[in-house]
Protein backbone atom coordinates (compact mmCIF):
# COMPACT_ATOMS: atom_id res chain seq x y z
CA MET A 1 123.62 109.87 81.79
CA GLU A 2 125.71 109.88 84.95
CA ILE A 3 128.71 107.51 84.76
CA ARG A 4 131.23 107.51 87.59
CA PRO A 5 134.01 105.33 88.95
CA ILE A 6 132.96 103.14 91.83
CA SER A 7 135.36 105.04 94.12
CA ASP A 8 132.93 107.99 93.89
CA LEU A 9 130.45 105.94 95.88
CA ARG A 10 132.75 106.32 98.86
CA ASN A 11 134.40 109.65 98.06
CA LYS A 12 131.46 111.61 96.61
CA PHE A 13 128.44 109.86 98.10
CA THR A 14 126.48 113.09 98.60
CA GLU A 15 126.81 114.02 94.92
CA ILE A 16 125.60 110.58 93.86
CA GLU A 17 122.77 110.76 96.37
CA ASP A 18 121.66 114.12 94.94
CA VAL A 19 121.52 112.67 91.41
CA VAL A 20 119.49 109.61 92.40
CA LYS A 21 117.11 111.72 94.50
CA GLU A 22 116.27 113.54 91.25
CA GLY A 23 115.17 110.18 89.82
CA GLN A 24 118.24 109.60 87.65
CA PRO A 25 120.35 106.44 87.83
CA VAL A 26 124.10 106.60 88.40
CA TYR A 27 126.15 104.00 86.54
CA LEU A 28 129.29 102.94 88.39
CA THR A 29 132.39 101.52 86.72
CA LYS A 30 135.23 99.43 88.09
CA ASN A 31 138.47 99.31 86.13
CA GLY A 32 136.70 100.96 83.20
CA TYR A 33 133.88 98.41 82.99
CA GLY A 34 130.27 98.70 84.12
CA SER A 35 129.84 97.36 87.63
CA MET A 36 126.49 98.49 89.05
CA VAL A 37 123.70 101.04 88.94
CA VAL A 38 122.54 103.13 91.89
CA LEU A 39 118.85 104.11 92.01
CA SER A 40 116.65 105.81 94.56
CA LEU A 41 114.20 103.55 96.38
CA GLU A 42 111.34 105.36 94.66
CA GLU A 43 112.79 104.77 91.19
CA TYR A 44 113.52 101.12 91.97
CA SER A 45 109.95 100.65 93.22
CA ARG A 46 108.57 102.30 90.10
CA LEU A 47 110.62 100.00 87.88
CA THR A 48 109.66 96.81 89.71
CA GLU A 49 106.02 97.56 90.54
CA ASP A 50 104.62 96.07 87.31
CA ILE A 51 106.77 92.98 87.75
CA GLU A 52 105.31 92.31 91.21
CA VAL A 53 101.76 92.72 89.87
CA LYS A 54 102.45 90.35 86.95
CA LEU A 55 104.02 87.76 89.25
CA ASP A 56 100.98 87.93 91.53
CA GLU A 57 98.71 87.44 88.49
CA ALA A 58 100.80 84.47 87.35
CA ASP A 59 100.61 82.90 90.82
CA LYS A 60 96.83 83.31 90.82
CA MET A 61 96.49 81.79 87.35
CA ALA A 62 98.77 78.89 88.31
CA SER A 63 96.61 78.14 91.34
CA LEU A 64 93.54 77.79 89.07
CA THR A 65 94.97 75.05 86.83
CA LYS A 66 97.30 72.09 86.97
CA LYS A 67 98.68 72.78 83.47
CA ARG A 68 102.36 73.69 83.44
CA ILE A 69 104.72 74.53 80.58
CA SER A 70 108.48 74.27 80.32
CA HIS A 71 110.73 77.31 80.23
CA GLN A 72 111.42 76.55 76.56
CA GLU A 73 107.68 76.64 75.75
CA LEU A 74 107.39 79.92 77.62
CA PHE A 75 110.28 81.51 75.71
CA ASP A 76 108.90 80.20 72.41
CA ASN A 77 105.51 81.75 73.21
CA VAL A 78 107.12 85.08 74.09
CA ARG A 79 109.18 85.05 70.88
CA GLU A 80 106.06 84.33 68.83
CA GLY A 81 104.24 87.17 70.58
CA LEU A 82 107.11 89.55 69.85
CA LYS A 83 107.14 88.53 66.19
CA GLY A 84 103.41 89.26 66.03
CA ASN A 85 103.96 92.75 67.47
CA LYS A 86 106.55 93.56 64.79
CA ASP A 87 104.01 92.88 62.03
CA GLU A 88 101.56 95.45 63.38
């Protein structure tokens, strides 16, 4: 795991760039606390690709029905699903 002070983003950009080009994230700290993560575009796309597909599926499903649920119902359903997965 690559953890660096945020000043390295300015002072050692090329080193950080080399790490992220290898597909590894670089965690940046500010005053000793986590501040941000730097990823390559490819790695970011890989991480978010499934999310975009799922959001498109949800939009399609929503267009087929007028039924809507609250955020609380959604979270309750997810929690129940997670509980079910633990029993398997």
